[in-house]
């Protein structure tokens, strides 16, 4: 039975999987808004006319299609779009949340209908029946969405926005990092950012021109500060690998490479928590906030998504929160040294090593690292877009150094293909991987995505599996 952490990760992935494939569209909308609205860098009435329709129609429809497609392919996507259109037309607020709800409803409904009709349609009439069932269902969903669902969504959306505004005005939302930062360490960052905060932030930005909701999770300053603190005050491999992780976080915005450092000494989580709380107060006081999602959470993306009247507050908030986090984490690490409370937080020790801990544990599926033919290796992360891309590249390099000419592909953990011969994933996601990957596919977990030592050990293990199979 799935534990609570796995269930939360799975639900969070379902939410973020509706939004993340469309982040490019959100960024496109954000760029247009930052440049061409009346208060933008280059106000332009004609180009500004693109912003409203994109927000009202394009973004919710994309979410509705993606949500439906994730459940039931193209037919599910079409059903999701039709269901979403009804709530868009019947609503006077942006229906991003409507797309996240109606998309799955449309897909689940057409999938159920197809299941009932399977085997009952005469040969030669399949296409006719498929088209008409989808058409009739789509028409019904549009009418229901327009007349019944949209009014409910209007109330819910208005309530959520009122709640967000209340929390912002009363300086309560600034305390959200107390919950958000631990969630990030469970690799729920994409779910928190794209599944919850971004849809609400888009609506707030449409009304006020910007929103600090986009910066609750994706302000990378505090995490950059933590990584630099480990680079200065850390020990062992943590100290050696931290500078690279800090640079990747700063310019690439891939938080997953930094999270393991906090996990090796959980008390250091106070740095990002306090830094992020301070940053949100800073943004509120000095008029910070971005026009769209900062994804990935890099310093460059922050600048690109900052409106003209918020860029100074955003940049200074990023820097100040990073310095504060650096100071707090540095103090905690230095104090640990002085008091000899921390013997060695080496990310590549046997205690943390993915291969050694896995192969010595008889009750783990990683024991199945028996000789076998391996052609398709996948590095899986939550979204399949950030940390897995980087880690797959590192592991490919290590395989080549060991004489194995295989390329490691990257993929979302929820979309592992059937042809996978071996999966590598973060130890935080390992339990979830056990529930989502076929039982006969071995899974190797890795603690530090940046550790060349861990990647090298995994590459050697894979090489041994292949050679022993010959």
Protein backbone atom coordinates (compact mmCIF):
# COMPACT_ATOMS: atom_id res chain seq x y z
CA UNK A 1 0.00 0.00 0.00
CA UNK A 2 1.26 3.45 -0.88
CA UNK A 3 2.42 5.57 2.04
CA UNK A 4 1.31 9.15 2.55
CA UNK A 5 4.44 10.63 0.95
CA UNK A 6 3.97 8.63 -2.23
CA UNK A 7 0.28 9.56 -2.43
CA UNK A 8 1.10 13.25 -2.01
CA UNK A 9 3.85 13.03 -4.63
CA UNK A 10 1.52 11.24 -7.04
CA UNK A 11 -1.29 13.78 -6.59
CA UNK A 12 1.15 16.66 -6.91
CA UNK A 13 2.55 15.19 -10.10
CA UNK A 14 -0.97 14.92 -11.53
CA UNK A 15 -1.51 18.64 -10.92
CA UNK A 16 1.86 19.82 -12.21
CA UNK A 17 1.68 17.51 -15.25
CA UNK A 18 -1.26 19.56 -16.50
CA UNK A 19 0.71 22.80 -16.39
CA UNK A 20 4.40 22.05 -16.88
CA UNK A 21 4.20 20.97 -20.56
CA UNK A 22 2.62 24.38 -21.23
CA UNK A 23 5.10 26.50 -19.30
CA UNK A 24 6.47 27.84 -22.60
CA UNK A 25 3.05 29.28 -23.38
CA UNK A 26 2.85 30.87 -19.92
CA UNK A 27 6.27 32.40 -20.42
CA UNK A 28 5.26 33.70 -23.86
CA UNK A 29 2.24 35.37 -22.28
CA UNK A 30 4.42 36.75 -19.50
CA UNK A 31 6.93 38.23 -21.95
CA UNK A 32 4.16 39.95 -23.90
CA UNK A 33 2.66 41.28 -20.69
CA UNK A 34 5.99 42.55 -19.36
CA UNK A 35 6.82 44.30 -22.62
CA UNK A 36 3.60 45.64 -24.12
CA UNK A 37 0.97 46.36 -21.44
CA UNK A 38 0.47 50.10 -20.72
CA UNK A 39 2.84 49.85 -17.75
CA UNK A 40 5.34 47.62 -19.60
CA UNK A 41 8.78 48.35 -20.97
CA UNK A 42 7.48 49.13 -24.48
CA UNK A 43 3.74 49.92 -24.32
CA UNK A 44 2.01 48.99 -27.56
CA UNK A 45 -1.76 48.98 -27.95
CA UNK A 46 -1.83 46.54 -30.88
CA UNK A 47 0.50 44.00 -29.34
CA UNK A 48 -1.25 44.39 -26.01
CA UNK A 49 -4.40 43.05 -27.72
CA UNK A 50 -2.76 39.59 -27.75
CA UNK A 51 -2.57 39.38 -23.96
CA UNK A 52 -6.25 39.17 -23.01
CA UNK A 53 -7.33 36.42 -25.46
CA UNK A 54 -4.23 34.38 -24.66
CA UNK A 55 -5.03 34.46 -20.97
CA UNK A 56 -8.76 33.93 -21.39
CA UNK A 57 -8.76 31.20 -24.03
CA UNK A 58 -5.34 29.81 -24.99
CA UNK A 59 -3.90 28.98 -21.58
CA UNK A 60 -7.01 27.31 -20.08
CA UNK A 61 -7.59 25.34 -23.30
CA UNK A 62 -3.97 24.15 -23.33
CA UNK A 63 -4.32 22.99 -19.74
CA UNK A 64 -7.63 21.27 -20.51
CA UNK A 65 -6.11 19.45 -23.49
CA UNK A 66 -2.98 18.41 -21.61
CA UNK A 67 -4.98 17.20 -18.62
CA UNK A 68 -7.22 15.15 -20.88
CA UNK A 69 -4.33 13.83 -22.97
CA UNK A 70 -2.48 12.65 -19.86
CA UNK A 71 -5.46 10.46 -18.99
CA UNK A 72 -6.68 9.18 -22.36
CA UNK A 73 -4.48 10.33 -25.22
CA UNK A 74 -5.78 12.48 -28.06
CA UNK A 75 -9.45 11.57 -27.53
CA UNK A 76 -9.11 12.53 -23.90
CA UNK A 77 -7.41 15.76 -24.92
CA UNK A 78 -10.22 16.73 -27.30
CA UNK A 79 -12.85 15.89 -24.69
CA UNK A 80 -10.89 17.96 -22.17
CA UNK A 81 -10.83 20.97 -24.51
CA UNK A 82 -14.58 20.81 -25.17
CA UNK A 83 -15.33 20.49 -21.47
CA UNK A 84 -13.05 23.45 -20.73
CA UNK A 85 -14.59 25.71 -23.38
CA UNK A 86 -17.93 25.58 -21.62
CA UNK A 87 -16.56 26.94 -18.36
CA UNK A 88 -14.46 29.56 -20.18
CA UNK A 89 -17.46 31.01 -22.00
CA UNK A 90 -19.66 30.84 -18.92
CA UNK A 91 -17.16 32.48 -16.60
CA UNK A 92 -16.07 36.03 -15.97
CA UNK A 93 -12.71 35.01 -14.45
CA UNK A 94 -9.69 33.22 -15.90
CA UNK A 95 -10.46 29.50 -16.05
CA UNK A 96 -7.05 27.94 -15.48
CA UNK A 97 -8.44 25.98 -12.57
CA UNK A 98 -11.46 25.14 -14.72
CA UNK A 99 -9.14 23.52 -17.26
CA UNK A 100 -7.41 21.54 -14.51
CA UNK A 101 -10.77 20.12 -13.40
CA UNK A 102 -12.82 19.86 -16.60
CA UNK A 103 -9.95 18.41 -18.66
CA UNK A 104 -9.75 15.25 -16.52
CA UNK A 105 -13.56 15.03 -16.26
CA UNK A 106 -13.91 15.08 -20.05
CA UNK A 107 -11.16 12.48 -20.54
CA UNK A 108 -12.46 10.13 -17.84
CA UNK A 109 -15.98 10.33 -19.25
CA UNK A 110 -15.03 9.52 -22.86
CA UNK A 111 -12.75 6.73 -21.64
CA UNK A 112 -15.65 5.21 -19.72
CA UNK A 113 -17.95 5.47 -22.74
CA UNK A 114 -15.35 3.85 -25.02
CA UNK A 115 -14.92 1.04 -22.53
CA UNK A 116 -18.67 0.38 -22.52
CA UNK A 117 -18.85 0.46 -26.33
CA UNK A 118 -15.85 -1.81 -26.85
CA UNK A 119 -16.85 -5.04 -28.55
CA UNK A 120 -20.42 -3.89 -29.16
CA UNK A 121 -19.89 -1.93 -32.38
CA UNK A 122 -20.30 -3.70 -35.70
CA UNK A 123 -17.25 -3.95 -37.90
CA UNK A 124 -16.88 -0.96 -40.23
CA UNK A 125 -18.78 1.42 -37.96
CA UNK A 126 -16.00 2.00 -35.44
CA UNK A 127 -14.90 5.40 -36.80
CA UNK A 128 -18.47 6.63 -37.10
CA UNK A 129 -19.27 5.60 -33.54
CA UNK A 130 -16.01 7.04 -32.17
CA UNK A 131 -16.62 10.41 -33.81
CA UNK A 132 -20.26 10.68 -32.78
CA UNK A 133 -19.72 9.54 -29.18
CA UNK A 134 -16.99 12.14 -28.76
CA UNK A 135 -19.06 14.78 -30.54
CA UNK A 136 -22.22 14.14 -28.53
CA UNK A 137 -20.31 13.96 -25.25
CA UNK A 138 -18.38 17.12 -26.12
CA UNK A 139 -21.58 19.03 -26.84
CA UNK A 140 -23.09 17.88 -23.54
CA UNK A 141 -19.96 18.83 -21.58
CA UNK A 142 -19.88 22.28 -23.17
CA UNK A 143 -23.52 22.93 -22.28
CA UNK A 144 -23.08 21.60 -18.74
CA UNK A 145 -19.92 23.65 -18.28
CA UNK A 146 -21.64 26.79 -19.51
CA UNK A 147 -24.84 26.49 -17.51
CA UNK A 148 -23.99 24.49 -14.44
CA UNK A 149 -20.28 24.23 -13.75
CA UNK A 150 -19.02 27.71 -14.62
CA UNK A 151 -21.10 29.52 -11.98
CA UNK A 152 -19.72 27.17 -9.33
CA UNK A 153 -16.17 27.76 -10.55
CA UNK A 154 -16.75 31.50 -10.48
CA UNK A 155 -17.64 31.29 -6.80
CA UNK A 156 -14.70 29.00 -6.00
CA UNK A 157 -12.23 31.07 -8.01
CA UNK A 158 -13.45 34.32 -6.46
CA UNK A 159 -13.16 32.76 -3.01
CA UNK A 160 -9.61 31.56 -3.66
CA UNK A 161 -8.51 34.92 -5.01
CA UNK A 162 -10.14 36.72 -2.06
CA UNK A 163 -8.32 34.35 0.29
CA UNK A 164 -5.01 34.97 -1.47
CA UNK A 165 -5.52 38.73 -1.38
CA UNK A 166 -6.45 38.52 2.31
CA UNK A 167 -3.34 36.51 3.11
CA UNK A 168 -1.19 38.96 1.15
CA UNK A 169 -2.70 42.08 2.68
CA UNK A 170 -2.35 40.68 6.21
CA UNK A 171 1.23 39.50 5.70
CA UNK A 172 0.30 35.85 6.23
CA UNK A 173 1.26 34.43 2.86
CA UNK A 174 4.83 35.52 3.60
CA UNK A 175 4.97 32.74 6.20
CA UNK A 176 4.12 30.04 3.66
CA UNK A 177 7.79 28.95 3.23
CA UNK A 178 7.46 27.22 6.60
CA UNK A 179 5.38 24.65 4.69
CA UNK A 180 6.66 25.16 1.14
CA UNK A 181 10.38 24.57 1.81
CA UNK A 182 9.88 21.14 3.48
CA UNK A 183 7.59 20.31 0.55
CA UNK A 184 10.42 21.15 -1.84
CA UNK A 185 12.68 18.70 -0.04
CA UNK A 186 10.11 16.00 -0.75
CA UNK A 187 10.42 16.93 -4.44
CA UNK A 188 6.95 18.50 -4.42
CA UNK A 189 8.32 21.75 -5.82
CA UNK A 190 6.71 21.34 -9.24
CA UNK A 191 3.36 20.42 -7.69
CA UNK A 192 3.43 23.40 -5.35
CA UNK A 193 4.57 25.88 -7.97
CA UNK A 194 2.75 24.78 -11.11
CA UNK A 195 -0.16 22.87 -9.62
CA UNK A 196 -1.26 25.47 -7.06
CA UNK A 197 0.58 28.79 -7.03
CA UNK A 198 0.95 29.51 -10.76
CA UNK A 199 -2.78 29.25 -11.66
CA UNK A 200 -3.65 31.60 -8.78
CA UNK A 201 -0.70 33.86 -9.61
CA UNK A 202 -1.85 34.20 -13.23
CA UNK A 203 -5.23 35.47 -12.10
CA UNK A 204 -3.63 37.90 -9.65
CA UNK A 205 -1.19 39.12 -12.30
CA UNK A 206 -4.04 39.65 -14.76
CA UNK A 207 -5.69 41.94 -12.22
CA UNK A 208 -2.69 43.73 -10.71
CA UNK A 209 0.02 43.32 -13.38
CA UNK A 210 2.22 41.08 -11.20
CA UNK A 211 2.07 38.62 -8.33
CA UNK A 212 4.44 37.47 -5.58
CA UNK A 213 2.76 34.05 -5.70
CA UNK A 214 5.13 33.22 -8.55
CA UNK A 215 8.03 33.77 -6.13
CA UNK A 216 6.80 31.77 -3.13
CA UNK A 217 8.44 28.60 -4.43
CA UNK A 218 10.62 29.66 -7.35
CA UNK A 219 12.78 32.36 -5.79
CA UNK A 220 16.09 30.52 -5.98
CA UNK A 221 18.06 33.01 -3.89
CA UNK A 222 17.84 31.14 -0.56
CA UNK A 223 18.76 27.82 -2.17
CA UNK A 224 21.70 29.39 -3.98
CA UNK A 225 22.82 30.78 -0.62
CA UNK A 226 22.58 27.33 0.96
CA UNK A 227 24.69 25.76 -1.79
CA UNK A 228 27.40 28.43 -1.48
CA UNK A 229 27.40 27.93 2.30
CA UNK A 230 28.13 24.23 1.82
CA UNK A 231 30.84 25.19 -0.68
CA UNK A 232 32.54 27.39 1.94
CA UNK A 233 31.82 25.60 5.22
CA UNK A 234 31.07 22.04 4.08
CA UNK A 235 33.20 18.92 4.25
CA UNK A 236 34.16 16.06 1.98
CA UNK A 237 32.36 15.59 -1.31
CA UNK A 238 29.62 17.98 -0.19
CA UNK A 239 32.14 20.82 -0.17
CA UNK A 240 33.63 19.77 -3.51
CA UNK A 241 30.34 19.40 -5.37
CA UNK A 242 28.46 22.33 -3.83
CA UNK A 243 30.01 25.07 -6.04
CA UNK A 244 28.75 23.32 -9.16
CA UNK A 245 25.32 22.87 -7.61
CA UNK A 246 25.23 26.57 -6.68
CA UNK A 247 26.03 27.63 -10.25
CA UNK A 248 23.38 25.29 -11.67
CA UNK A 249 20.81 26.68 -9.21
CA UNK A 250 21.79 30.29 -9.94
CA UNK A 251 21.70 30.12 -13.73
CA UNK A 252 19.73 26.94 -14.41
CA UNK A 253 17.19 27.11 -11.61
CA UNK A 254 17.25 23.34 -10.98
CA UNK A 255 16.57 23.14 -7.26
CA UNK A 256 16.78 19.35 -7.15
CA UNK A 257 20.60 19.55 -7.28
CA UNK A 258 20.64 21.59 -4.07
CA UNK A 259 17.94 19.88 -2.00
CA UNK A 260 20.15 16.87 -1.05
CA UNK A 261 22.56 19.17 0.79
CA UNK A 262 19.79 20.24 3.16
CA UNK A 263 18.71 16.62 3.54
CA UNK A 264 22.19 15.61 4.75
CA UNK A 265 21.76 18.03 7.65
CA UNK A 266 18.08 18.97 8.02
CA UNK A 267 18.75 21.84 10.44
CA UNK A 268 20.18 23.80 7.50
CA UNK A 269 16.64 23.93 6.09
CA UNK A 270 16.24 26.96 8.40
CA UNK A 271 18.37 28.98 5.97
CA UNK A 272 16.02 28.68 2.96
CA UNK A 273 12.93 28.98 5.18
CA UNK A 274 14.02 32.21 6.86
CA UNK A 275 15.54 33.54 3.64
CA UNK A 276 12.34 32.91 1.71
CA UNK A 277 10.12 34.44 4.41
CA UNK A 278 12.34 37.51 4.41
CA UNK A 279 12.24 37.68 0.61
CA UNK A 280 8.44 37.60 0.49
CA UNK A 281 8.22 40.44 3.01
CA UNK A 282 10.81 42.30 0.93
CA UNK A 283 8.80 41.80 -2.27
CA UNK A 284 5.62 42.93 -0.54
CA UNK A 285 7.15 46.08 0.91
CA UNK A 286 9.07 47.19 -2.20
CA UNK A 287 6.58 46.16 -4.89
CA UNK A 288 8.12 42.92 -6.13
CA UNK A 289 6.41 40.17 -8.06
CA UNK A 290 6.56 38.78 -11.58
CA UNK A 291 4.11 38.76 -14.48
CA UNK A 292 4.25 35.00 -14.99
CA UNK A 293 5.78 31.82 -13.62
CA UNK A 294 9.53 31.89 -13.05
CA UNK A 295 10.33 28.49 -14.47
CA UNK A 296 12.91 27.27 -14.01
CA UNK A 297 13.68 29.32 -10.89
CA UNK A 298 16.90 30.84 -12.17
CA UNK A 299 18.16 34.37 -11.73
CA UNK A 300 17.90 34.89 -15.49
CA UNK A 301 14.27 33.75 -15.60
CA UNK A 302 13.50 36.04 -12.66
CA UNK A 303 14.80 39.05 -14.56
CA UNK A 304 12.92 38.12 -17.73
CA UNK A 305 9.59 37.74 -15.90
CA UNK A 306 9.97 40.95 -13.86
CA UNK A 307 7.84 43.96 -14.83
CA UNK A 308 9.46 47.36 -15.16
CA UNK A 309 8.20 48.54 -11.79
CA UNK A 310 9.29 45.38 -9.97
CA UNK A 311 12.69 44.39 -11.32
CA UNK A 312 14.72 46.26 -8.69
CA UNK A 313 12.69 44.76 -5.84
CA UNK A 314 12.92 41.27 -7.36
CA UNK A 315 16.66 41.32 -8.01
CA UNK A 316 17.51 42.85 -4.64
CA UNK A 317 15.16 40.41 -2.88
CA UNK A 318 16.86 37.48 -4.59
CA UNK A 319 20.32 38.69 -3.54
CA UNK A 320 19.44 39.66 0.03
CA UNK A 321 17.53 36.42 0.72
CA UNK A 322 20.46 34.46 -0.71
CA UNK A 323 22.93 36.23 1.55
CA UNK A 324 20.71 35.69 4.59
CA UNK A 325 20.37 31.99 3.82
CA UNK A 326 24.14 31.75 3.27
CA UNK A 327 24.81 33.36 6.67
CA UNK A 328 22.36 31.11 8.54
CA UNK A 329 23.49 27.86 6.90
CA UNK A 330 27.14 28.85 7.23
CA UNK A 331 26.66 29.50 10.95
CA UNK A 332 24.95 26.13 11.44
CA UNK A 333 27.66 24.25 9.55
CA UNK A 334 30.48 26.07 11.33
CA UNK A 335 28.86 25.43 14.70
CA UNK A 336 28.57 21.75 13.83
CA UNK A 337 32.31 21.64 13.16
CA UNK A 338 33.23 23.43 16.36
CA UNK A 339 31.01 21.20 18.51
CA UNK A 340 31.98 18.07 16.58
CA UNK A 341 28.27 17.33 16.17
CA UNK A 342 28.73 16.42 12.54
CA UNK A 343 31.38 13.82 11.85
CA UNK A 344 31.20 13.88 8.07
CA UNK A 345 28.35 14.80 5.74
CA UNK A 346 29.91 13.30 2.67
CA UNK A 347 27.25 12.78 -0.02
CA UNK A 348 29.09 9.80 -1.45
CA UNK A 349 29.62 7.74 1.73
CA UNK A 350 28.33 4.19 1.85
CA UNK A 351 25.44 5.31 4.06
CA UNK A 352 24.14 7.54 1.30
CA UNK A 353 25.39 5.68 -1.74
CA UNK A 354 22.59 4.50 -3.96
CA UNK A 355 24.25 1.37 -5.30
CA UNK A 356 25.89 0.10 -2.12
CA UNK A 357 22.85 0.61 0.12
CA UNK A 358 20.55 -0.86 -2.46
CA UNK A 359 22.47 -3.98 -3.36
CA UNK A 360 23.09 -4.88 0.31
CA UNK A 361 19.42 -4.72 1.22
CA UNK A 362 17.62 -7.98 0.45
CA UNK A 363 14.15 -6.50 0.68
CA UNK A 364 14.66 -3.93 -2.07
CA UNK A 365 13.95 -4.44 -5.76
CA UNK A 366 17.39 -3.04 -6.54
CA UNK A 367 18.60 -6.54 -5.65
CA UNK A 368 17.48 -7.48 -9.14
CA UNK A 369 20.63 -5.96 -10.59
CA UNK A 370 21.28 -9.38 -12.07
CA UNK A 371 22.93 -9.90 -15.46
CA UNK A 372 20.58 -8.76 -18.19
CA UNK A 373 20.46 -7.15 -21.59
CA UNK A 374 20.21 -3.39 -21.18
CA UNK A 375 19.47 -1.08 -24.09
CA UNK A 376 17.09 1.57 -22.73
CA UNK A 377 18.15 3.41 -19.58
CA UNK A 378 15.99 6.21 -18.22
CA UNK A 379 16.73 8.77 -15.54
CA UNK A 380 13.35 9.68 -14.04
CA UNK A 381 12.47 12.78 -12.05
CA UNK A 382 9.13 14.30 -11.12
CA UNK A 383 8.61 16.32 -14.30
CA UNK A 384 11.19 14.81 -16.64
CA UNK A 385 12.39 18.27 -17.65
CA UNK A 386 14.95 19.64 -15.19
CA UNK A 387 17.08 17.50 -12.92
CA UNK A 388 16.65 14.35 -15.01
CA UNK A 389 18.03 16.09 -18.12
CA UNK A 390 21.19 17.10 -16.28
CA UNK A 391 21.62 13.79 -14.44
CA UNK A 392 21.04 11.77 -17.61
CA UNK A 393 23.84 13.69 -19.30
CA UNK A 394 26.25 13.07 -16.42
CA UNK A 395 25.43 9.36 -16.27
CA UNK A 396 25.82 9.04 -20.06
CA UNK A 397 29.31 10.52 -19.76
CA UNK A 398 30.23 8.09 -16.96
CA UNK A 399 28.95 5.13 -18.98
CA UNK A 400 31.09 6.18 -21.93
CA UNK A 401 34.13 6.42 -19.64
CA UNK A 402 33.42 2.84 -18.63
CA UNK A 403 33.18 1.69 -22.23
CA UNK A 404 29.38 1.48 -22.39
CA UNK A 405 28.04 3.27 -25.48
CA UNK A 406 24.49 3.78 -24.28
CA UNK A 407 22.66 7.07 -23.98
CA UNK A 408 20.62 7.70 -20.84
CA UNK A 409 17.23 9.23 -21.61
CA UNK A 410 15.26 11.50 -19.28
CA UNK A 411 11.60 11.04 -18.45
CA UNK A 412 8.89 11.92 -15.97
CA UNK A 413 8.40 9.20 -13.38
CA UNK A 414 4.73 9.00 -14.32
CA UNK A 415 5.57 8.41 -18.00
CA UNK A 416 8.23 5.69 -17.91
CA UNK A 417 7.94 3.87 -21.26
CA UNK A 418 7.31 0.16 -21.49
CA UNK A 419 10.63 -0.47 -23.23
CA UNK A 420 12.65 0.68 -20.18
CA UNK A 421 15.31 -1.84 -19.14
CA UNK A 422 16.59 0.09 -16.12
CA UNK A 423 15.52 3.18 -14.17
CA UNK A 424 17.67 5.59 -12.17
CA UNK A 425 15.93 8.06 -9.88
CA UNK A 426 16.42 10.19 -6.78
CA UNK A 427 16.21 8.41 -3.45
CA UNK A 428 13.38 10.77 -2.48
CA UNK A 429 11.31 9.45 -5.39
CA UNK A 430 12.34 5.81 -4.99
CA UNK A 431 9.26 4.64 -3.09
CA UNK A 432 7.00 6.24 -5.65
CA UNK A 433 9.02 4.66 -8.45
CA UNK A 434 8.32 1.22 -6.96
CA UNK A 435 4.60 1.81 -7.48
CA UNK A 436 4.86 3.20 -11.01
CA UNK A 437 7.55 1.14 -12.72
CA UNK A 438 6.98 -2.43 -13.91
CA UNK A 439 8.07 -4.97 -11.31
CA UNK A 440 10.63 -6.63 -13.57
CA UNK A 441 12.49 -3.36 -14.23
CA UNK A 442 15.37 -2.71 -11.79
CA UNK A 443 15.54 0.71 -10.14
CA UNK A 444 18.74 2.30 -8.93
CA UNK A 445 18.44 5.30 -6.62
CA UNK A 446 20.90 8.13 -6.34
CA UNK A 447 21.30 10.56 -3.45
CA UNK A 448 23.27 13.42 -4.96
CA UNK A 449 22.45 14.23 -8.58
CA UNK A 450 25.73 16.12 -8.91
CA UNK A 451 28.01 13.45 -7.46
CA UNK A 452 30.29 12.04 -10.15
CA UNK A 453 31.28 9.31 -7.70
CA UNK A 454 27.70 8.06 -7.44
CA UNK A 455 27.19 8.29 -11.19
CA UNK A 456 30.45 6.42 -11.70
CA UNK A 457 29.39 3.62 -9.33
CA UNK A 458 26.05 3.32 -11.09
CA UNK A 459 27.81 3.21 -14.47
CA UNK A 460 30.09 0.40 -13.23
CA UNK A 461 27.07 -1.52 -11.94
CA UNK A 462 25.33 -1.21 -15.29
CA UNK A 463 28.49 -2.29 -17.10
CA UNK A 464 28.77 -5.38 -14.88
CA UNK A 465 25.13 -6.29 -15.54
CA UNK A 466 25.67 -6.07 -19.29
CA UNK A 467 29.00 -7.93 -19.37
CA UNK A 468 27.81 -10.75 -17.11
CA UNK A 469 24.86 -11.27 -19.44
CA UNK A 470 27.09 -12.02 -22.39
